[in-house]
Protein backbone atom coordinates (compact mmCIF):
# COMPACT_ATOMS: atom_id res chain seq x y z
CA MET A 1 -23.00 22.66 -3.94
CA ASN A 2 -26.43 22.60 -2.27
CA ILE A 3 -28.97 25.35 -2.96
CA MET A 4 -31.61 26.55 -0.51
CA ASP A 5 -34.79 28.28 -1.68
CA VAL A 6 -35.93 30.91 0.84
CA THR A 7 -38.86 32.33 -1.13
CA LEU A 8 -41.48 31.28 1.43
CA ARG A 9 -39.63 33.01 4.24
CA GLU A 10 -38.82 36.07 2.10
CA SER A 11 -42.49 36.56 1.20
CA VAL A 12 -43.31 37.59 4.74
CA TYR A 13 -39.99 39.25 5.38
CA TYR A 14 -40.75 41.83 2.72
CA GLY A 15 -44.36 42.29 3.81
CA LYS A 16 -46.02 40.84 0.73
CA GLY A 17 -48.84 39.48 2.84
CA LEU A 18 -49.01 35.91 1.59
CA THR A 19 -51.20 33.55 3.57
CA ASN A 20 -50.22 30.04 4.58
CA ASP A 21 -52.38 28.61 1.78
CA ASP A 22 -50.66 30.90 -0.76
CA ALA A 23 -47.29 29.67 0.43
CA LEU A 24 -48.30 26.02 0.21
CA GLU A 25 -49.62 26.55 -3.31
CA TYR A 26 -46.22 27.97 -4.25
CA LEU A 27 -44.50 24.99 -2.60
CA TYR A 28 -46.60 22.56 -4.66
CA MET A 29 -45.59 24.48 -7.79
CA LEU A 30 -41.92 24.41 -6.75
CA LYS A 31 -42.01 20.65 -6.20
CA LYS A 32 -43.72 20.04 -9.52
CA ASN A 33 -41.33 22.14 -11.58
CA ILE A 34 -37.92 22.17 -9.88
CA PRO A 35 -36.30 18.82 -9.03
CA ASN A 36 -34.09 18.34 -6.02
CA LYS A 37 -30.98 18.19 -8.18
CA TRP A 38 -31.43 21.98 -8.51
CA ILE A 39 -32.79 22.85 -5.05
CA GLN A 40 -32.03 20.66 -2.06
CA PHE A 41 -33.42 22.72 0.83
CA VAL A 42 -36.62 24.78 1.16
CA GLU A 43 -36.94 27.25 4.01
CA ILE A 44 -40.61 27.22 4.93
CA GLY A 45 -40.85 30.12 7.36
CA TYR A 46 -39.89 31.39 10.79
CA ILE A 47 -39.91 29.63 14.13
CA ASN A 48 -39.81 32.95 15.92
CA THR A 49 -42.67 33.17 18.41
CA ASP A 50 -42.83 36.91 19.07
CA ARG A 51 -45.68 37.75 16.70
CA ASP A 52 -48.69 36.21 15.01
CA VAL A 53 -48.20 36.61 11.26
CA PRO A 54 -48.46 34.23 8.29
CA LEU A 55 -45.52 31.84 8.07
CA ASN A 56 -44.39 32.58 11.60
CA TYR A 57 -44.38 29.56 13.92
CA ASN A 58 -47.58 27.66 13.18
CA GLU A 59 -47.67 23.92 13.82
CA GLU A 60 -50.39 23.11 11.29
CA TYR A 61 -48.62 25.05 8.53
CA TYR A 62 -45.25 23.51 9.35
CA ASN A 63 -46.59 19.97 9.25
CA ARG A 64 -48.42 20.59 5.97
CA ALA A 65 -45.34 22.19 4.38
CA ILE A 66 -43.01 19.43 5.57
CA ASP A 67 -45.43 16.83 4.19
CA ILE A 68 -45.15 18.49 0.77
CA CYS A 69 -41.35 18.63 0.98
CA GLU A 70 -40.95 14.99 1.94
CA GLY A 71 -39.39 12.88 -0.76
CA THR A 72 -38.12 15.91 -2.68
CA TYR A 73 -36.70 18.69 -0.49
CA LYS A 74 -35.18 18.99 2.96
CA ALA A 75 -37.35 21.33 5.03
CA THR A 76 -35.63 24.13 6.94
CA ALA A 77 -36.81 27.03 9.10
CA MET A 78 -35.32 30.33 10.19
CA MET A 79 -35.17 32.04 13.56
CA HIS A 80 -33.67 35.06 15.25
CA VAL A 81 -32.18 35.04 18.73
CA PRO A 82 -33.71 35.94 21.16
CA LYS A 83 -37.12 36.28 19.44
CA ALA A 84 -37.75 32.54 19.42
CA ASP A 85 -39.28 31.09 22.59
CA MET A 86 -38.40 27.39 22.78
CA SER A 87 -41.04 26.79 25.45
CA LYS A 88 -43.71 27.44 22.79
CA TRP A 89 -42.32 24.92 20.32
CA ASN A 90 -43.70 21.44 19.84
CA PRO A 91 -40.62 19.19 19.64
CA ASP A 92 -42.54 16.72 17.46
CA VAL A 93 -42.78 19.49 14.83
CA ILE A 94 -39.25 20.85 15.15
CA LYS A 95 -37.67 17.42 14.79
CA ARG A 96 -39.30 17.04 11.38
CA LEU A 97 -37.00 19.79 10.08
CA SER A 98 -33.61 19.02 8.57
CA LEU A 99 -32.07 22.36 9.51
CA VAL A 100 -32.74 25.43 11.61
CA ARG A 101 -31.02 28.52 10.22
CA VAL A 102 -30.18 31.33 12.62
CA VAL A 103 -29.40 34.91 11.61
CA VAL A 104 -27.09 36.39 14.22
CA GLY A 105 -25.93 39.66 12.67
CA GLN A 106 -22.19 40.23 12.75
CA HIS A 107 -21.63 38.55 16.11
CA VAL A 108 -22.45 35.04 17.33
CA PRO A 109 -24.09 35.66 20.74
CA ASP A 110 -23.70 33.57 23.87
CA GLU A 111 -27.52 33.27 23.99
CA LEU A 112 -27.39 30.96 20.96
CA LYS A 113 -25.96 27.95 22.81
CA PRO A 114 -29.21 26.74 24.46
CA TYR A 115 -30.93 26.78 21.06
CA VAL A 116 -28.11 24.71 19.57
CA ASP A 117 -28.43 22.15 22.38
CA TYR A 118 -32.23 22.01 22.01
CA VAL A 119 -32.17 21.53 18.25
CA HIS A 120 -29.37 18.97 18.37
CA GLY A 121 -31.27 17.08 21.05
CA LEU A 122 -34.03 16.57 18.47
CA GLY A 123 -31.59 15.35 15.84
CA VAL A 124 -31.79 18.55 13.75
CA LYS A 125 -28.81 20.45 12.31
CA MET A 126 -28.25 24.16 12.91
CA SER A 127 -26.65 26.82 10.75
CA VAL A 128 -25.51 30.34 11.51
CA ASN A 129 -25.72 33.27 9.10
CA ILE A 130 -23.16 36.02 9.72
CA THR A 131 -24.53 39.08 7.95
CA TYR A 132 -23.03 42.07 6.09
CA VAL A 133 -19.80 40.12 5.73
CA ALA A 134 -18.46 42.50 3.08
CA ASP A 135 -17.98 45.03 5.90
CA LEU A 136 -16.01 42.63 8.11
CA SER A 137 -12.30 41.94 8.18
CA ASN A 138 -10.96 38.43 7.73
CA GLU A 139 -9.94 38.42 11.38
CA THR A 140 -13.47 39.22 12.54
CA VAL A 141 -15.03 36.56 10.32
CA LEU A 142 -12.55 33.99 11.61
CA SER A 143 -13.28 34.94 15.21
CA GLU A 144 -17.04 34.52 14.71
CA MET A 145 -16.53 31.24 12.88
CA LYS A 146 -14.58 29.95 15.86
CA ARG A 147 -17.38 31.00 18.24
CA ALA A 148 -19.88 29.13 16.07
CA ALA A 149 -17.67 26.04 15.94
CA ASP A 150 -17.21 26.07 19.72
CA MET A 151 -21.01 26.03 20.12
CA GLY A 152 -21.33 22.98 17.89
CA ILE A 153 -22.85 24.73 14.85
CA ASP A 154 -23.16 22.44 11.81
CA TYR A 155 -23.29 24.95 8.92
CA ILE A 156 -21.63 28.38 8.69
CA PHE A 157 -22.99 30.86 6.13
CA CYS A 158 -21.61 34.26 5.22
CA ALA A 159 -24.30 36.60 3.91
CA ASP A 160 -23.95 39.32 1.29
CA SER A 161 -26.72 41.22 3.07
CA SER A 162 -26.19 44.51 1.22
CA GLY A 163 -25.82 42.82 -2.18
CA SER A 164 -22.42 44.42 -2.58
CA PHE A 165 -20.24 41.36 -3.19
CA SER A 166 -17.92 41.63 -6.15
CA PRO A 167 -16.34 38.50 -7.61
CA ASN A 168 -13.23 39.36 -5.59
CA SER A 169 -15.32 39.57 -2.40
CA SER A 170 -16.97 36.27 -3.18
CA MET A 171 -13.62 34.60 -3.76
CA ARG A 172 -12.17 36.05 -0.56
CA ILE A 173 -15.08 34.92 1.60
CA SER A 174 -15.40 31.52 -0.06
CA ARG A 175 -11.72 30.76 0.44
CA LEU A 176 -11.87 32.03 4.02
CA LEU A 177 -14.80 29.74 4.76
CA THR A 178 -13.39 26.68 3.05
CA ASP A 179 -9.92 26.99 4.58
CA ASN A 180 -11.17 27.54 8.14
CA CYS A 181 -14.58 25.89 8.56
CA GLY A 182 -13.22 22.76 10.21
CA ARG A 183 -16.06 20.23 10.58
CA MET A 184 -18.70 22.90 9.77
CA ILE A 185 -20.22 22.96 6.28
CA PRO A 186 -19.52 26.35 4.62
CA GLY A 187 -21.91 28.40 2.51
CA VAL A 188 -22.74 31.85 1.18
CA HIS A 189 -26.08 33.69 1.16
CA LEU A 190 -26.19 35.96 -1.89
CA HIS A 191 -28.36 38.92 -2.82
CA ASP A 192 -28.71 40.34 -6.32
CA HIS A 193 -28.74 44.12 -5.88
CA MET A 194 -26.05 44.56 -8.56
CA ASN A 195 -27.06 41.62 -10.77
CA MET A 196 -23.97 39.78 -9.57
CA ALA A 197 -25.52 36.93 -7.57
CA MET A 198 -25.15 34.33 -10.32
CA ALA A 199 -21.52 35.23 -10.99
CA ASN A 200 -20.77 35.24 -7.26
CA ALA A 201 -22.50 31.87 -6.87
CA GLN A 202 -20.34 30.34 -9.58
CA ILE A 203 -17.19 31.73 -7.96
CA GLY A 204 -18.35 30.50 -4.55
CA ARG A 205 -19.13 27.09 -6.03
CA ALA A 206 -15.52 26.79 -7.19
CA HIS A 207 -14.18 27.40 -3.68
CA VAL A 208 -16.82 26.18 -1.17
């Protein structure tokens, strides 16, 4: 099981106002204290280009963060479709990432395919997060997984966006992913609203 740390991205997502330097200081601390046998991926921010905020797409910050990750963590970034404008990206920066993670809501949109082609053309993997999966039927999850597979997605994540997974939910989703992911790598994105994230992670680990 691989674990991704998304603290740098979450800092801005929840409006905590961290600067790029604050985030890099945290990344240095992470690298010093947590080896890559515990965390394999670090998500260093957004590559959306619709706003100018800390940790949004910033070439200098990305290069500095990736430099810190090198030799310890695989650097990843997050984006939303259609907020990310590929014409504003520097391919020499994007290709330094190991993974681009896309949050698509509960439906994988047709608009995602050009992003997949762009990222793959740079030798970078792409993942899709399907959100609020606890509200979706098995049939719907399977349908969206197939859409992702048809687009060439490399990783498929199901997200417990509301933090409402029970161990039974985690087992259901983990088995659904593992049994139907095909060549995609399956994963779960857990929240801890009910103090169940660790238990759900252990259950997911047994099945993903």
